[in-house]
Amino acid sequence: MINRTDAGLSKALQELESLQDEATTLCMPHANDSEIAAFARLQSQIQLAAEMVKTMRTRTESLGSHYRAD
């Protein structure tokens, strides 16, 4: 069973925002095409994860094996 709380999801969102900031500092001015593509994928994955966490925070009911503890 997956237990979720608003506090835990808020912490996850803060960590994702921190990762986004760290990823932004990784962007090098003279990067080659494969590095730029990898950076774009990383940015997209972090953004997707953040949007998923935001959606999880709005869903307060339990569903299947996903249980809202608060």
N, C-alpha and C. Protein backbone atom coordinates (compact mmCIF):
# COMPACT_ATOMS: atom_id res chain seq x y z
N MET A 1 0.84 -1.18 0.00
CA MET A 1 0.00 0.00 0.00
C MET A 1 0.89 1.24 0.00
N ILE A 2 0.49 2.23 -0.73
CA ILE A 2 1.22 3.50 -0.81
C ILE A 2 0.49 4.53 0.05
N ASN A 3 1.15 5.01 1.10
CA ASN A 3 0.55 6.01 1.98
C ASN A 3 1.04 7.39 1.58
N ARG A 4 0.10 8.32 1.43
CA ARG A 4 0.45 9.70 1.09
C ARG A 4 -0.15 10.64 2.12
N THR A 5 0.58 11.72 2.39
CA THR A 5 0.07 12.80 3.23
C THR A 5 0.37 14.12 2.53
N ASP A 6 -0.37 15.15 2.89
CA ASP A 6 -0.11 16.45 2.29
C ASP A 6 1.29 16.94 2.64
N ALA A 7 1.72 16.67 3.87
CA ALA A 7 3.06 17.10 4.29
C ALA A 7 4.13 16.40 3.47
N GLY A 8 3.97 15.10 3.24
CA GLY A 8 4.94 14.35 2.46
C GLY A 8 4.97 14.79 1.01
N LEU A 9 3.80 15.08 0.44
CA LEU A 9 3.74 15.53 -0.94
C LEU A 9 4.31 16.94 -1.07
N SER A 10 4.09 17.78 -0.06
CA SER A 10 4.67 19.13 -0.08
C SER A 10 6.19 19.05 -0.05
N LYS A 11 6.72 18.14 0.77
CA LYS A 11 8.17 17.96 0.84
C LYS A 11 8.71 17.47 -0.50
N ALA A 12 8.00 16.54 -1.12
CA ALA A 12 8.42 16.03 -2.43
C ALA A 12 8.46 17.15 -3.46
N LEU A 13 7.46 18.02 -3.43
CA LEU A 13 7.41 19.13 -4.38
C LEU A 13 8.57 20.09 -4.15
N GLN A 14 8.91 20.36 -2.89
CA GLN A 14 10.05 21.22 -2.59
C GLN A 14 11.35 20.60 -3.09
N GLU A 15 11.49 19.29 -2.93
CA GLU A 15 12.69 18.62 -3.39
C GLU A 15 12.79 18.66 -4.91
N LEU A 16 11.66 18.51 -5.59
CA LEU A 16 11.66 18.59 -7.05
C LEU A 16 12.03 20.00 -7.52
N GLU A 17 11.53 21.01 -6.83
CA GLU A 17 11.90 22.39 -7.17
C GLU A 17 13.39 22.62 -6.96
N SER A 18 13.94 22.02 -5.91
CA SER A 18 15.38 22.11 -5.66
C SER A 18 16.17 21.41 -6.77
N LEU A 19 15.69 20.24 -7.19
CA LEU A 19 16.33 19.53 -8.30
C LEU A 19 16.28 20.35 -9.58
N GLN A 20 15.16 21.02 -9.80
CA GLN A 20 15.01 21.87 -10.99
C GLN A 20 16.07 22.98 -10.97
N ASP A 21 16.25 23.58 -9.81
CA ASP A 21 17.26 24.64 -9.68
C ASP A 21 18.66 24.09 -9.93
N GLU A 22 18.96 22.92 -9.36
CA GLU A 22 20.27 22.30 -9.56
C GLU A 22 20.49 21.94 -11.03
N ALA A 23 19.45 21.43 -11.67
CA ALA A 23 19.56 21.05 -13.08
C ALA A 23 19.83 22.27 -13.95
N THR A 24 19.24 23.39 -13.59
CA THR A 24 19.45 24.62 -14.36
C THR A 24 20.92 25.04 -14.31
N THR A 25 21.57 24.81 -13.18
CA THR A 25 22.99 25.18 -13.07
C THR A 25 23.88 24.24 -13.87
N LEU A 26 23.36 23.06 -14.24
CA LEU A 26 24.16 22.11 -15.02
C LEU A 26 24.28 22.50 -16.49
N CYS A 27 23.39 23.36 -16.95
CA CYS A 27 23.38 23.74 -18.36
C CYS A 27 24.67 24.50 -18.67
N MET A 28 25.46 23.94 -19.57
CA MET A 28 26.74 24.54 -19.93
C MET A 28 26.59 25.39 -21.19
N PRO A 29 27.27 26.52 -21.26
CA PRO A 29 27.12 27.40 -22.42
C PRO A 29 27.63 26.79 -23.72
N HIS A 30 28.60 25.90 -23.67
CA HIS A 30 29.17 25.32 -24.89
C HIS A 30 28.88 23.82 -24.97
N ALA A 31 27.66 23.43 -24.63
CA ALA A 31 27.28 22.02 -24.63
C ALA A 31 27.07 21.53 -26.07
N ASN A 32 27.35 20.25 -26.27
CA ASN A 32 27.10 19.67 -27.59
C ASN A 32 25.64 19.22 -27.68
N ASP A 33 25.25 18.74 -28.85
CA ASP A 33 23.84 18.39 -29.08
C ASP A 33 23.33 17.31 -28.14
N SER A 34 24.13 16.29 -27.88
CA SER A 34 23.66 15.21 -27.00
C SER A 34 23.51 15.70 -25.56
N GLU A 35 24.37 16.60 -25.12
CA GLU A 35 24.24 17.17 -23.77
C GLU A 35 23.00 18.05 -23.67
N ILE A 36 22.72 18.80 -24.71
CA ILE A 36 21.52 19.64 -24.73
C ILE A 36 20.27 18.77 -24.69
N ALA A 37 20.27 17.67 -25.45
CA ALA A 37 19.12 16.76 -25.47
C ALA A 37 18.94 16.10 -24.10
N ALA A 38 20.03 15.69 -23.47
CA ALA A 38 19.95 15.08 -22.14
C ALA A 38 19.42 16.08 -21.12
N PHE A 39 19.86 17.32 -21.22
CA PHE A 39 19.39 18.36 -20.32
C PHE A 39 17.89 18.60 -20.52
N ALA A 40 17.44 18.63 -21.76
CA ALA A 40 16.02 18.83 -22.06
C ALA A 40 15.18 17.68 -21.50
N ARG A 41 15.68 16.44 -21.63
CA ARG A 41 14.96 15.29 -21.07
C ARG A 41 14.88 15.39 -19.56
N LEU A 42 15.98 15.77 -18.93
CA LEU A 42 16.00 15.91 -17.47
C LEU A 42 15.00 16.97 -17.02
N GLN A 43 15.00 18.10 -17.68
CA GLN A 43 14.06 19.18 -17.35
C GLN A 43 12.61 18.69 -17.50
N SER A 44 12.34 17.97 -18.57
CA SER A 44 10.98 17.47 -18.82
C SER A 44 10.56 16.46 -17.75
N GLN A 45 11.47 15.59 -17.37
CA GLN A 45 11.16 14.58 -16.36
C GLN A 45 10.89 15.21 -15.00
N ILE A 46 11.68 16.20 -14.64
CA ILE A 46 11.46 16.89 -13.37
C ILE A 46 10.13 17.64 -13.40
N GLN A 47 9.82 18.28 -14.51
CA GLN A 47 8.57 19.01 -14.64
C GLN A 47 7.38 18.05 -14.56
N LEU A 48 7.48 16.91 -15.22
CA LEU A 48 6.40 15.91 -15.17
C LEU A 48 6.20 15.42 -13.74
N ALA A 49 7.28 15.12 -13.05
CA ALA A 49 7.19 14.65 -11.66
C ALA A 49 6.53 15.71 -10.77
N ALA A 50 6.88 16.97 -10.96
CA ALA A 50 6.29 18.05 -10.17
C ALA A 50 4.79 18.16 -10.43
N GLU A 51 4.39 18.05 -11.69
CA GLU A 51 2.96 18.12 -12.02
C GLU A 51 2.21 16.94 -11.44
N MET A 52 2.83 15.77 -11.43
CA MET A 52 2.19 14.60 -10.84
C MET A 52 1.98 14.79 -9.33
N VAL A 53 2.98 15.33 -8.66
CA VAL A 53 2.87 15.57 -7.21
C VAL A 53 1.79 16.61 -6.94
N LYS A 54 1.72 17.66 -7.75
CA LYS A 54 0.68 18.67 -7.56
C LYS A 54 -0.71 18.04 -7.69
N THR A 55 -0.87 17.15 -8.66
CA THR A 55 -2.14 16.47 -8.86
C THR A 55 -2.45 15.54 -7.68
N MET A 56 -1.43 14.85 -7.18
CA MET A 56 -1.62 13.97 -6.02
C MET A 56 -2.10 14.77 -4.81
N ARG A 57 -1.60 15.99 -4.66
CA ARG A 57 -2.01 16.82 -3.52
C ARG A 57 -3.48 17.20 -3.61
N THR A 58 -4.01 17.37 -4.81
CA THR A 58 -5.42 17.76 -4.94
C THR A 58 -6.36 16.58 -4.74
N ARG A 59 -5.88 15.36 -4.97
CA ARG A 59 -6.73 14.17 -4.78
C ARG A 59 -6.63 13.73 -3.33
N THR A 60 -7.68 13.92 -2.58
CA THR A 60 -7.65 13.60 -1.15
C THR A 60 -8.29 12.26 -0.83
N GLU A 61 -8.97 11.64 -1.80
CA GLU A 61 -9.59 10.34 -1.53
C GLU A 61 -8.57 9.23 -1.77
N SER A 62 -8.80 8.11 -1.12
CA SER A 62 -7.96 6.94 -1.33
C SER A 62 -8.52 6.17 -2.52
N LEU A 63 -7.62 5.57 -3.29
CA LEU A 63 -8.04 4.85 -4.48
C LEU A 63 -7.12 3.65 -4.69
N GLY A 64 -7.68 2.45 -4.66
CA GLY A 64 -6.87 1.26 -4.85
C GLY A 64 -5.82 1.13 -3.77
N SER A 65 -4.58 0.91 -4.18
CA SER A 65 -3.50 0.74 -3.20
C SER A 65 -2.90 2.08 -2.78
N HIS A 66 -3.40 3.17 -3.33
CA HIS A 66 -2.92 4.51 -2.95
C HIS A 66 -3.83 5.05 -1.85
N TYR A 67 -3.28 5.17 -0.66
CA TYR A 67 -4.05 5.54 0.52
C TYR A 67 -3.64 6.92 1.00
N ARG A 68 -4.60 7.78 1.20
CA ARG A 68 -4.35 9.12 1.73
C ARG A 68 -4.46 9.06 3.23
N ALA A 69 -3.36 9.21 3.94
CA ALA A 69 -3.31 9.03 5.40
C ALA A 69 -3.86 10.23 6.16
N ASP A 70 -4.01 11.38 5.52
CA ASP A 70 -4.50 12.55 6.26
C ASP A 70 -5.94 12.85 5.96
